mmCIF file of all heavy atoms, coordinates in Angstrom:
data_MODEL
# 
_entry.id   MODEL 
# 
loop_
_atom_site.group_PDB 
_atom_site.id 
_atom_site.type_symbol 
_atom_site.label_atom_id 
_atom_site.label_alt_id 
_atom_site.label_comp_id 
_atom_site.label_asym_id 
_atom_site.label_entity_id 
_atom_site.label_seq_id 
_atom_site.pdbx_PDB_ins_code 
_atom_site.Cartn_x 
_atom_site.Cartn_y 
_atom_site.Cartn_z 
_atom_site.occupancy 
_atom_site.B_iso_or_equiv 
_atom_site.pdbx_formal_charge 
_atom_site.auth_seq_id 
_atom_site.auth_comp_id 
_atom_site.auth_asym_id 
_atom_site.auth_atom_id 
_atom_site.pdbx_PDB_model_num 
ATOM 1   N N   . ALA A 1 1  ? 0.828  -1.203 0.000   1.00 0.00 ? 1  ALA A N   1 
ATOM 2   C CA  . ALA A 1 1  ? 0.000  0.000  0.000   1.00 0.00 ? 1  ALA A CA  1 
ATOM 3   C C   . ALA A 1 1  ? 0.868  1.261  0.000   1.00 0.00 ? 1  ALA A C   1 
ATOM 4   O O   . ALA A 1 1  ? 0.540  2.255  -0.670  1.00 0.00 ? 1  ALA A O   1 
ATOM 5   C CB  . ALA A 1 1  ? -0.935 -0.012 1.207   1.00 0.00 ? 1  ALA A CB  1 
ATOM 6   N N   . TRP A 1 2  ? 1.995  1.226  0.734   1.00 0.00 ? 2  TRP A N   1 
ATOM 7   C CA  . TRP A 1 2  ? 2.893  2.385  0.725   1.00 0.00 ? 2  TRP A CA  1 
ATOM 8   C C   . TRP A 1 2  ? 3.544  2.569  -0.642  1.00 0.00 ? 2  TRP A C   1 
ATOM 9   O O   . TRP A 1 2  ? 3.718  3.696  -1.113  1.00 0.00 ? 2  TRP A O   1 
ATOM 10  C CB  . TRP A 1 2  ? 3.977  2.229  1.796   1.00 0.00 ? 2  TRP A CB  1 
ATOM 11  C CG  . TRP A 1 2  ? 3.534  2.618  3.171   1.00 0.00 ? 2  TRP A CG  1 
ATOM 12  C CD1 . TRP A 1 2  ? 3.499  1.841  4.286   1.00 0.00 ? 2  TRP A CD1 1 
ATOM 13  C CD2 . TRP A 1 2  ? 3.062  3.906  3.577   1.00 0.00 ? 2  TRP A CD2 1 
ATOM 14  N NE1 . TRP A 1 2  ? 3.027  2.544  5.354   1.00 0.00 ? 2  TRP A NE1 1 
ATOM 15  C CE2 . TRP A 1 2  ? 2.751  3.825  4.956   1.00 0.00 ? 2  TRP A CE2 1 
ATOM 16  C CE3 . TRP A 1 2  ? 2.858  5.125  2.910   1.00 0.00 ? 2  TRP A CE3 1 
ATOM 17  C CZ2 . TRP A 1 2  ? 2.255  4.909  5.679   1.00 0.00 ? 2  TRP A CZ2 1 
ATOM 18  C CZ3 . TRP A 1 2  ? 2.365  6.206  3.629   1.00 0.00 ? 2  TRP A CZ3 1 
ATOM 19  C CH2 . TRP A 1 2  ? 2.063  6.095  4.994   1.00 0.00 ? 2  TRP A CH2 1 
ATOM 20  N N   . LEU A 1 3  ? 3.902  1.454  -1.289  1.00 0.00 ? 3  LEU A N   1 
ATOM 21  C CA  . LEU A 1 3  ? 4.484  1.557  -2.634  1.00 0.00 ? 3  LEU A CA  1 
ATOM 22  C C   . LEU A 1 3  ? 3.535  2.288  -3.580  1.00 0.00 ? 3  LEU A C   1 
ATOM 23  O O   . LEU A 1 3  ? 3.953  3.179  -4.341  1.00 0.00 ? 3  LEU A O   1 
ATOM 24  C CB  . LEU A 1 3  ? 4.795  0.156  -3.180  1.00 0.00 ? 3  LEU A CB  1 
ATOM 25  C CG  . LEU A 1 3  ? 5.460  0.081  -4.560  1.00 0.00 ? 3  LEU A CG  1 
ATOM 26  C CD1 . LEU A 1 3  ? 6.372  -1.139 -4.644  1.00 0.00 ? 3  LEU A CD1 1 
ATOM 27  C CD2 . LEU A 1 3  ? 4.450  0.011  -5.698  1.00 0.00 ? 3  LEU A CD2 1 
ATOM 28  N N   . ASP A 1 4  ? 2.255  1.930  -3.529  1.00 0.00 ? 4  ASP A N   1 
ATOM 29  C CA  . ASP A 1 4  ? 1.287  2.568  -4.429  1.00 0.00 ? 4  ASP A CA  1 
ATOM 30  C C   . ASP A 1 4  ? 0.998  4.002  -4.013  1.00 0.00 ? 4  ASP A C   1 
ATOM 31  O O   . ASP A 1 4  ? 0.711  4.851  -4.868  1.00 0.00 ? 4  ASP A O   1 
ATOM 32  C CB  . ASP A 1 4  ? 0.006  1.734  -4.483  1.00 0.00 ? 4  ASP A CB  1 
ATOM 33  C CG  . ASP A 1 4  ? 0.247  0.377  -5.125  1.00 0.00 ? 4  ASP A CG  1 
ATOM 34  O OD1 . ASP A 1 4  ? 0.792  0.343  -6.247  1.00 0.00 ? 4  ASP A OD1 1 
ATOM 35  O OD2 . ASP A 1 4  ? -0.063 -0.655 -4.521  1.00 0.00 ? 4  ASP A OD2 1 
ATOM 36  N N   . THR A 1 5  ? 1.110  4.283  -2.712  1.00 0.00 ? 5  THR A N   1 
ATOM 37  C CA  . THR A 1 5  ? 1.016  5.672  -2.258  1.00 0.00 ? 5  THR A CA  1 
ATOM 38  C C   . THR A 1 5  ? 2.146  6.500  -2.866  1.00 0.00 ? 5  THR A C   1 
ATOM 39  O O   . THR A 1 5  ? 1.932  7.620  -3.359  1.00 0.00 ? 5  THR A O   1 
ATOM 40  C CB  . THR A 1 5  ? 1.106  5.743  -0.714  1.00 0.00 ? 5  THR A CB  1 
ATOM 41  O OG1 . THR A 1 5  ? 0.075  4.942  -0.142  1.00 0.00 ? 5  THR A OG1 1 
ATOM 42  C CG2 . THR A 1 5  ? 0.991  7.179  -0.221  1.00 0.00 ? 5  THR A CG2 1 
ATOM 43  N N   . ILE A 1 6  ? 3.340  5.949  -2.826  1.00 0.00 ? 6  ILE A N   1 
ATOM 44  C CA  . ILE A 1 6  ? 4.517  6.648  -3.367  1.00 0.00 ? 6  ILE A CA  1 
ATOM 45  C C   . ILE A 1 6  ? 4.371  6.853  -4.879  1.00 0.00 ? 6  ILE A C   1 
ATOM 46  O O   . ILE A 1 6  ? 4.720  7.921  -5.409  1.00 0.00 ? 6  ILE A O   1 
ATOM 47  C CB  . ILE A 1 6  ? 5.799  5.860  -3.031  1.00 0.00 ? 6  ILE A CB  1 
ATOM 48  C CG1 . ILE A 1 6  ? 6.054  5.921  -1.522  1.00 0.00 ? 6  ILE A CG1 1 
ATOM 49  C CG2 . ILE A 1 6  ? 6.998  6.381  -3.813  1.00 0.00 ? 6  ILE A CG2 1 
ATOM 50  C CD1 . ILE A 1 6  ? 7.050  4.900  -1.015  1.00 0.00 ? 6  ILE A CD1 1 
ATOM 51  N N   . ARG A 1 7  ? 3.851  5.843  -5.585  1.00 0.00 ? 7  ARG A N   1 
ATOM 52  C CA  . ARG A 1 7  ? 3.650  6.015  -7.040  1.00 0.00 ? 7  ARG A CA  1 
ATOM 53  C C   . ARG A 1 7  ? 2.696  7.164  -7.326  1.00 0.00 ? 7  ARG A C   1 
ATOM 54  O O   . ARG A 1 7  ? 2.881  7.929  -8.288  1.00 0.00 ? 7  ARG A O   1 
ATOM 55  C CB  . ARG A 1 7  ? 3.099  4.729  -7.659  1.00 0.00 ? 7  ARG A CB  1 
ATOM 56  C CG  . ARG A 1 7  ? 4.078  3.586  -7.693  1.00 0.00 ? 7  ARG A CG  1 
ATOM 57  C CD  . ARG A 1 7  ? 3.613  2.480  -8.631  1.00 0.00 ? 7  ARG A CD  1 
ATOM 58  N NE  . ARG A 1 7  ? 2.283  1.983  -8.272  1.00 0.00 ? 7  ARG A NE  1 
ATOM 59  C CZ  . ARG A 1 7  ? 1.177  2.277  -8.944  1.00 0.00 ? 7  ARG A CZ  1 
ATOM 60  N NH1 . ARG A 1 7  ? 1.228  3.066  -9.998  1.00 0.00 ? 7  ARG A NH1 1 
ATOM 61  N NH2 . ARG A 1 7  ? 0.013  1.773  -8.553  1.00 0.00 ? 7  ARG A NH2 1 
ATOM 62  N N   . MET A 1 8  ? 1.640  7.295  -6.497  1.00 0.00 ? 8  MET A N   1 
ATOM 63  C CA  . MET A 1 8  ? 0.691  8.395  -6.701  1.00 0.00 ? 8  MET A CA  1 
ATOM 64  C C   . MET A 1 8  ? 1.336  9.736  -6.341  1.00 0.00 ? 8  MET A C   1 
ATOM 65  O O   . MET A 1 8  ? 1.007  10.776 -6.945  1.00 0.00 ? 8  MET A O   1 
ATOM 66  C CB  . MET A 1 8  ? -0.567 8.160  -5.855  1.00 0.00 ? 8  MET A CB  1 
ATOM 67  C CG  . MET A 1 8  ? -1.376 6.926  -6.256  1.00 0.00 ? 8  MET A CG  1 
ATOM 68  S SD  . MET A 1 8  ? -1.855 6.863  -8.003  1.00 0.00 ? 8  MET A SD  1 
ATOM 69  C CE  . MET A 1 8  ? -0.634 5.718  -8.660  1.00 0.00 ? 8  MET A CE  1 
ATOM 70  N N   . MET A 1 9  ? 2.257  9.735  -5.390  1.00 0.00 ? 9  MET A N   1 
ATOM 71  C CA  . MET A 1 9  ? 3.008  10.963 -5.085  1.00 0.00 ? 9  MET A CA  1 
ATOM 72  C C   . MET A 1 9  ? 3.853  11.370 -6.289  1.00 0.00 ? 9  MET A C   1 
ATOM 73  O O   . MET A 1 9  ? 3.951  12.560 -6.618  1.00 0.00 ? 9  MET A O   1 
ATOM 74  C CB  . MET A 1 9  ? 3.901  10.732 -3.865  1.00 0.00 ? 9  MET A CB  1 
ATOM 75  C CG  . MET A 1 9  ? 3.139  10.555 -2.564  1.00 0.00 ? 9  MET A CG  1 
ATOM 76  S SD  . MET A 1 9  ? 4.212  10.085 -1.165  1.00 0.00 ? 9  MET A SD  1 
ATOM 77  C CE  . MET A 1 9  ? 5.151  11.594 -0.939  1.00 0.00 ? 9  MET A CE  1 
ATOM 78  N N   . GLN A 1 10 ? 4.451  10.384 -6.964  1.00 0.00 ? 10 GLN A N   1 
ATOM 79  C CA  . GLN A 1 10 ? 5.246  10.670 -8.164  1.00 0.00 ? 10 GLN A CA  1 
ATOM 80  C C   . GLN A 1 10 ? 4.386  11.268 -9.265  1.00 0.00 ? 10 GLN A C   1 
ATOM 81  O O   . GLN A 1 10 ? 4.815  12.180 -9.986  1.00 0.00 ? 10 GLN A O   1 
ATOM 82  C CB  . GLN A 1 10 ? 5.918  9.389  -8.652  1.00 0.00 ? 10 GLN A CB  1 
ATOM 83  C CG  . GLN A 1 10 ? 7.002  8.867  -7.725  1.00 0.00 ? 10 GLN A CG  1 
ATOM 84  C CD  . GLN A 1 10 ? 7.511  7.492  -8.126  1.00 0.00 ? 10 GLN A CD  1 
ATOM 85  O OE1 . GLN A 1 10 ? 6.792  6.721  -8.766  1.00 0.00 ? 10 GLN A OE1 1 
ATOM 86  N NE2 . GLN A 1 10 ? 8.744  7.170  -7.723  1.00 0.00 ? 10 GLN A NE2 1 
ATOM 87  N N   . LYS A 1 11 ? 3.164  10.764 -9.383  1.00 0.00 ? 11 LYS A N   1 
ATOM 88  C CA  . LYS A 1 11 ? 2.273  11.280 -10.428 1.00 0.00 ? 11 LYS A CA  1 
ATOM 89  C C   . LYS A 1 11 ? 1.594  12.586 -10.018 1.00 0.00 ? 11 LYS A C   1 
ATOM 90  O O   . LYS A 1 11 ? 1.096  13.321 -10.872 1.00 0.00 ? 11 LYS A O   1 
ATOM 91  C CB  . LYS A 1 11 ? 1.197  10.242 -10.747 1.00 0.00 ? 11 LYS A CB  1 
ATOM 92  C CG  . LYS A 1 11 ? 1.735  8.977  -11.399 1.00 0.00 ? 11 LYS A CG  1 
ATOM 93  C CD  . LYS A 1 11 ? 0.614  8.038  -11.811 1.00 0.00 ? 11 LYS A CD  1 
ATOM 94  C CE  . LYS A 1 11 ? 1.174  6.811  -12.520 1.00 0.00 ? 11 LYS A CE  1 
ATOM 95  N NZ  . LYS A 1 11 ? 0.121  5.917  -13.039 1.00 0.00 ? 11 LYS A NZ  1 
ATOM 96  N N   . GLY A 1 12 ? 1.585  12.857 -8.707  1.00 0.00 ? 12 GLY A N   1 
ATOM 97  C CA  . GLY A 1 12 ? 0.861  14.036 -8.227  1.00 0.00 ? 12 GLY A CA  1 
ATOM 98  C C   . GLY A 1 12 ? 1.704  15.267 -8.014  1.00 0.00 ? 12 GLY A C   1 
ATOM 99  O O   . GLY A 1 12 ? 1.215  16.258 -7.468  1.00 0.00 ? 12 GLY A O   1 
ATOM 100 N N   . GLY A 1 13 ? 2.980  15.205 -8.405  1.00 0.00 ? 13 GLY A N   1 
ATOM 101 C CA  . GLY A 1 13 ? 3.796  16.407 -8.345  1.00 0.00 ? 13 GLY A CA  1 
ATOM 102 C C   . GLY A 1 13 ? 4.481  16.662 -7.016  1.00 0.00 ? 13 GLY A C   1 
ATOM 103 O O   . GLY A 1 13 ? 4.902  17.796 -6.739  1.00 0.00 ? 13 GLY A O   1 
ATOM 104 N N   . PHE A 1 14 ? 4.601  15.663 -6.154  1.00 0.00 ? 14 PHE A N   1 
ATOM 105 C CA  . PHE A 1 14 ? 5.330  15.841 -4.902  1.00 0.00 ? 14 PHE A CA  1 
ATOM 106 C C   . PHE A 1 14 ? 6.824  16.012 -5.202  1.00 0.00 ? 14 PHE A C   1 
ATOM 107 O O   . PHE A 1 14 ? 7.325  15.509 -6.209  1.00 0.00 ? 14 PHE A O   1 
ATOM 108 C CB  . PHE A 1 14 ? 5.116  14.639 -3.986  1.00 0.00 ? 14 PHE A CB  1 
ATOM 109 C CG  . PHE A 1 14 ? 3.806  14.654 -3.240  1.00 0.00 ? 14 PHE A CG  1 
ATOM 110 C CD1 . PHE A 1 14 ? 2.610  14.440 -3.911  1.00 0.00 ? 14 PHE A CD1 1 
ATOM 111 C CD2 . PHE A 1 14 ? 3.773  14.891 -1.878  1.00 0.00 ? 14 PHE A CD2 1 
ATOM 112 C CE1 . PHE A 1 14 ? 1.397  14.457 -3.240  1.00 0.00 ? 14 PHE A CE1 1 
ATOM 113 C CE2 . PHE A 1 14 ? 2.568  14.909 -1.186  1.00 0.00 ? 14 PHE A CE2 1 
ATOM 114 C CZ  . PHE A 1 14 ? 1.378  14.698 -1.864  1.00 0.00 ? 14 PHE A CZ  1 
ATOM 115 N N   . SER A 1 15 ? 7.516  16.691 -4.289  1.00 0.00 ? 15 SER A N   1 
ATOM 116 C CA  . SER A 1 15 ? 8.952  16.918 -4.501  1.00 0.00 ? 15 SER A CA  1 
ATOM 117 C C   . SER A 1 15 ? 9.709  15.602 -4.360  1.00 0.00 ? 15 SER A C   1 
ATOM 118 O O   . SER A 1 15 ? 9.282  14.686 -3.661  1.00 0.00 ? 15 SER A O   1 
ATOM 119 C CB  . SER A 1 15 ? 9.476  17.935 -3.485  1.00 0.00 ? 15 SER A CB  1 
ATOM 120 O OG  . SER A 1 15 ? 9.466  17.377 -2.178  1.00 0.00 ? 15 SER A OG  1 
ATOM 121 N N   . GLN A 1 16 ? 10.850 15.528 -5.026  1.00 0.00 ? 16 GLN A N   1 
ATOM 122 C CA  . GLN A 1 16 ? 11.658 14.318 -4.982  1.00 0.00 ? 16 GLN A CA  1 
ATOM 123 C C   . GLN A 1 16 ? 12.129 14.006 -3.560  1.00 0.00 ? 16 GLN A C   1 
ATOM 124 O O   . GLN A 1 16 ? 12.248 12.836 -3.173  1.00 0.00 ? 16 GLN A O   1 
ATOM 125 C CB  . GLN A 1 16 ? 12.860 14.441 -5.932  1.00 0.00 ? 16 GLN A CB  1 
ATOM 126 C CG  . GLN A 1 16 ? 13.668 13.172 -6.079  1.00 0.00 ? 16 GLN A CG  1 
ATOM 127 C CD  . GLN A 1 16 ? 12.827 11.979 -6.552  1.00 0.00 ? 16 GLN A CD  1 
ATOM 128 O OE1 . GLN A 1 16 ? 11.970 12.120 -7.423  1.00 0.00 ? 16 GLN A OE1 1 
ATOM 129 N NE2 . GLN A 1 16 ? 13.054 10.804 -5.951  1.00 0.00 ? 16 GLN A NE2 1 
ATOM 130 N N   . SER A 1 17 ? 12.385 15.056 -2.787  1.00 0.00 ? 17 SER A N   1 
ATOM 131 C CA  . SER A 1 17 ? 12.845 14.831 -1.401  1.00 0.00 ? 17 SER A CA  1 
ATOM 132 C C   . SER A 1 17 ? 11.743 14.191 -0.563  1.00 0.00 ? 17 SER A C   1 
ATOM 133 O O   . SER A 1 17 ? 12.019 13.300 0.261   1.00 0.00 ? 17 SER A O   1 
ATOM 134 C CB  . SER A 1 17 ? 13.293 16.155 -0.771  1.00 0.00 ? 17 SER A CB  1 
ATOM 135 O OG  . SER A 1 17 ? 12.213 17.077 -0.714  1.00 0.00 ? 17 SER A OG  1 
ATOM 136 N N   . GLU A 1 18 ? 10.486 14.634 -0.757  1.00 0.00 ? 18 GLU A N   1 
ATOM 137 C CA  . GLU A 1 18 ? 9.363  14.034 -0.027  1.00 0.00 ? 18 GLU A CA  1 
ATOM 138 C C   . GLU A 1 18 ? 9.181  12.571 -0.426  1.00 0.00 ? 18 GLU A C   1 
ATOM 139 O O   . GLU A 1 18 ? 8.942  11.704 0.424   1.00 0.00 ? 18 GLU A O   1 
ATOM 140 C CB  . GLU A 1 18 ? 8.077  14.805 -0.310  1.00 0.00 ? 18 GLU A CB  1 
ATOM 141 C CG  . GLU A 1 18 ? 8.013  16.184 0.307   1.00 0.00 ? 18 GLU A CG  1 
ATOM 142 C CD  . GLU A 1 18 ? 6.750  16.926 -0.091  1.00 0.00 ? 18 GLU A CD  1 
ATOM 143 O OE1 . GLU A 1 18 ? 6.561  17.167 -1.301  1.00 0.00 ? 18 GLU A OE1 1 
ATOM 144 O OE2 . GLU A 1 18 ? 5.948  17.261 0.804   1.00 0.00 ? 18 GLU A OE2 1 
ATOM 145 N N   . ILE A 1 19 ? 9.288  12.325 -1.727  1.00 0.00 ? 19 ILE A N   1 
ATOM 146 C CA  . ILE A 1 19 ? 9.117  10.962 -2.231  1.00 0.00 ? 19 ILE A CA  1 
ATOM 147 C C   . ILE A 1 19 ? 10.220 10.055 -1.707  1.00 0.00 ? 19 ILE A C   1 
ATOM 148 O O   . ILE A 1 19 ? 9.961  8.943  -1.235  1.00 0.00 ? 19 ILE A O   1 
ATOM 149 C CB  . ILE A 1 19 ? 9.091  10.963 -3.777  1.00 0.00 ? 19 ILE A CB  1 
ATOM 150 C CG1 . ILE A 1 19 ? 7.841  11.698 -4.273  1.00 0.00 ? 19 ILE A CG1 1 
ATOM 151 C CG2 . ILE A 1 19 ? 9.146  9.534  -4.318  1.00 0.00 ? 19 ILE A CG2 1 
ATOM 152 C CD1 . ILE A 1 19 ? 7.839  11.969 -5.767  1.00 0.00 ? 19 ILE A CD1 1 
ATOM 153 N N   . GLN A 1 20 ? 11.474 10.538 -1.753  1.00 0.00 ? 20 GLN A N   1 
ATOM 154 C CA  . GLN A 1 20 ? 12.605 9.728  -1.304  1.00 0.00 ? 20 GLN A CA  1 
ATOM 155 C C   . GLN A 1 20 ? 12.519 9.439  0.191   1.00 0.00 ? 20 GLN A C   1 
ATOM 156 O O   . GLN A 1 20 ? 12.848 8.337  0.650   1.00 0.00 ? 20 GLN A O   1 
ATOM 157 C CB  . GLN A 1 20 ? 13.926 10.437 -1.637  1.00 0.00 ? 20 GLN A CB  1 
ATOM 158 C CG  . GLN A 1 20 ? 15.153 9.559  -1.444  1.00 0.00 ? 20 GLN A CG  1 
ATOM 159 C CD  . GLN A 1 20 ? 15.105 8.300  -2.306  1.00 0.00 ? 20 GLN A CD  1 
ATOM 160 O OE1 . GLN A 1 20 ? 14.841 8.349  -3.502  1.00 0.00 ? 20 GLN A OE1 1 
ATOM 161 N NE2 . GLN A 1 20 ? 15.322 7.144  -1.673  1.00 0.00 ? 20 GLN A NE2 1 
ATOM 162 N N   . GLN A 1 21 ? 12.076 10.423 0.944   1.00 0.00 ? 21 GLN A N   1 
ATOM 163 C CA  . GLN A 1 21 ? 11.921 10.219 2.386   1.00 0.00 ? 21 GLN A CA  1 
ATOM 164 C C   . GLN A 1 21 ? 10.931 9.095  2.668   1.00 0.00 ? 21 GLN A C   1 
ATOM 165 O O   . GLN A 1 21 ? 11.171 8.245  3.530   1.00 0.00 ? 21 GLN A O   1 
ATOM 166 C CB  . GLN A 1 21 ? 11.450 11.518 3.051   1.00 0.00 ? 21 GLN A CB  1 
ATOM 167 C CG  . GLN A 1 21 ? 11.291 11.393 4.559   1.00 0.00 ? 21 GLN A CG  1 
ATOM 168 C CD  . GLN A 1 21 ? 10.775 12.671 5.195   1.00 0.00 ? 21 GLN A CD  1 
ATOM 169 O OE1 . GLN A 1 21 ? 10.469 13.645 4.512   1.00 0.00 ? 21 GLN A OE1 1 
ATOM 170 N NE2 . GLN A 1 21 ? 10.673 12.671 6.518   1.00 0.00 ? 21 GLN A NE2 1 
ATOM 171 N N   . LYS A 1 22 ? 9.819  9.085  1.922   1.00 0.00 ? 22 LYS A N   1 
ATOM 172 C CA  . LYS A 1 22 ? 8.800  8.047  2.121   1.00 0.00 ? 22 LYS A CA  1 
ATOM 173 C C   . LYS A 1 22 ? 9.332  6.679  1.674   1.00 0.00 ? 22 LYS A C   1 
ATOM 174 O O   . LYS A 1 22 ? 9.061  5.657  2.332   1.00 0.00 ? 22 LYS A O   1 
ATOM 175 C CB  . LYS A 1 22 ? 7.536  8.410  1.343   1.00 0.00 ? 22 LYS A CB  1 
ATOM 176 C CG  . LYS A 1 22 ? 6.308  7.629  1.750   1.00 0.00 ? 22 LYS A CG  1 
ATOM 177 C CD  . LYS A 1 22 ? 5.891  7.945  3.187   1.00 0.00 ? 22 LYS A CD  1 
ATOM 178 C CE  . LYS A 1 22 ? 5.303  9.310  3.345   1.00 0.00 ? 22 LYS A CE  1 
ATOM 179 N NZ  . LYS A 1 22 ? 4.808  9.555  4.731   1.00 0.00 ? 22 LYS A NZ  1 
ATOM 180 N N   . ILE A 1 23 ? 10.107 6.652  0.605   1.00 0.00 ? 23 ILE A N   1 
ATOM 181 C CA  . ILE A 1 23 ? 10.711 5.396  0.142   1.00 0.00 ? 23 ILE A CA  1 
ATOM 182 C C   . ILE A 1 23 ? 11.638 4.829  1.210   1.00 0.00 ? 23 ILE A C   1 
ATOM 183 O O   . ILE A 1 23 ? 11.588 3.640  1.534   1.00 0.00 ? 23 ILE A O   1 
ATOM 184 C CB  . ILE A 1 23 ? 11.478 5.616  -1.185  1.00 0.00 ? 23 ILE A CB  1 
ATOM 185 C CG1 . ILE A 1 23 ? 10.502 5.897  -2.332  1.00 0.00 ? 23 ILE A CG1 1 
ATOM 186 C CG2 . ILE A 1 23 ? 12.339 4.386  -1.519  1.00 0.00 ? 23 ILE A CG2 1 
ATOM 187 C CD1 . ILE A 1 23 ? 11.187 6.306  -3.630  1.00 0.00 ? 23 ILE A CD1 1 
ATOM 188 N N   . ASP A 1 24 ? 12.479 5.690  1.775   1.00 0.00 ? 24 ASP A N   1 
ATOM 189 C CA  . ASP A 1 24 ? 13.445 5.240  2.785   1.00 0.00 ? 24 ASP A CA  1 
ATOM 190 C C   . ASP A 1 24 ? 12.744 4.773  4.059   1.00 0.00 ? 24 ASP A C   1 
ATOM 191 O O   . ASP A 1 24 ? 13.197 3.832  4.722   1.00 0.00 ? 24 ASP A O   1 
ATOM 192 C CB  . ASP A 1 24 ? 14.425 6.370  3.115   1.00 0.00 ? 24 ASP A CB  1 
ATOM 193 C CG  . ASP A 1 24 ? 15.317 6.717  1.929   1.00 0.00 ? 24 ASP A CG  1 
ATOM 194 O OD1 . ASP A 1 24 ? 15.464 5.857  1.029   1.00 0.00 ? 24 ASP A OD1 1 
ATOM 195 O OD2 . ASP A 1 24 ? 15.834 7.854  1.884   1.00 0.00 ? 24 ASP A OD2 1 
ATOM 196 N N   . GLU A 1 25 ? 11.656 5.423  4.404   1.00 0.00 ? 25 GLU A N   1 
ATOM 197 C CA  . GLU A 1 25 ? 10.943 5.094  5.648   1.00 0.00 ? 25 GLU A CA  1 
ATOM 198 C C   . GLU A 1 25 ? 10.122 3.810  5.541   1.00 0.00 ? 25 GLU A C   1 
ATOM 199 O O   . GLU A 1 25 ? 10.048 3.031  6.491   1.00 0.00 ? 25 GLU A O   1 
ATOM 200 C CB  . GLU A 1 25 ? 9.996  6.245  6.034   1.00 0.00 ? 25 GLU A CB  1 
ATOM 201 C CG  . GLU A 1 25 ? 10.671 7.475  6.587   1.00 0.00 ? 25 GLU A CG  1 
ATOM 202 C CD  . GLU A 1 25 ? 9.664  8.573  6.894   1.00 0.00 ? 25 GLU A CD  1 
ATOM 203 O OE1 . GLU A 1 25 ? 8.445  8.364  6.648   1.00 0.00 ? 25 GLU A OE1 1 
ATOM 204 O OE2 . GLU A 1 25 ? 10.080 9.640  7.371   1.00 0.00 ? 25 GLU A OE2 1 
ATOM 205 N N   . LYS A 1 26 ? 9.509  3.594  4.379   1.00 0.00 ? 26 LYS A N   1 
ATOM 206 C CA  . LYS A 1 26 ? 8.433  2.599  4.296   1.00 0.00 ? 26 LYS A CA  1 
ATOM 207 C C   . LYS A 1 26 ? 8.746  1.351  3.463   1.00 0.00 ? 26 LYS A C   1 
ATOM 208 O O   . LYS A 1 26 ? 8.067  0.332  3.631   1.00 0.00 ? 26 LYS A O   1 
ATOM 209 C CB  . LYS A 1 26 ? 7.164  3.250  3.726   1.00 0.00 ? 26 LYS A CB  1 
ATOM 210 C CG  . LYS A 1 26 ? 6.627  4.404  4.565   1.00 0.00 ? 26 LYS A CG  1 
ATOM 211 C CD  . LYS A 1 26 ? 6.199  3.941  5.956   1.00 0.00 ? 26 LYS A CD  1 
ATOM 212 C CE  . LYS A 1 26 ? 5.588  5.060  6.774   1.00 0.00 ? 26 LYS A CE  1 
ATOM 213 N NZ  . LYS A 1 26 ? 5.212  4.605  8.142   1.00 0.00 ? 26 LYS A NZ  1 
# 
């Protein structure tokens, strides 16, 4: 579920730092 959350962040214009932080955490 977190992986798909992160994919939607990538498509929704979130900053790379926010996305990377979530990848590292989850």
